[in-house]
């Protein structure tokens, strides 16, 4: 009975570590991968929105880049919960696809209307490409972070 309790405790701490690394990886992936991709798209004139915006967000006045990073961390936890059983290239590939699809759909169909913006980037194909690209980059970074640091004995 004691060994069962120890194994259960051990797996709970491993899950806690996995989810914490999911948050940190998602947060940092916004700052490096997401905003890096946004910077490349901005430099190529694909989007007029410059990366690392310090514009205050509502209602708390937090700079936009830090708000994005926080929500990247939240999405990182969701991603980590979704792919806890995956390892290696499968984890990283799944995280990249997850990033391209789920956060983009939520941004298009939930966040944009709440902010009074048009859904799905106004259905303008060039503008619609930005979300999946920067969010796939975020997913890639989050997946790499989880793979490198998410499990004990790694990193």
Foldseek 3Di string as FASTA:
>chain_A
DVVVVVVVVVVVVLLVLLLQLLLVLQLVLLVPQLLVLVCVCCVVVLDVDHGPAQAADPDPGGGPSNVNSNVSSVVSSVLSVVPVPDADPVLLVVLLQCQLPDVLQCCQPPVQVVVVHHHQNVPPVSSNVSRSRSSSRSSNSSSVSCRQRSGPPHD
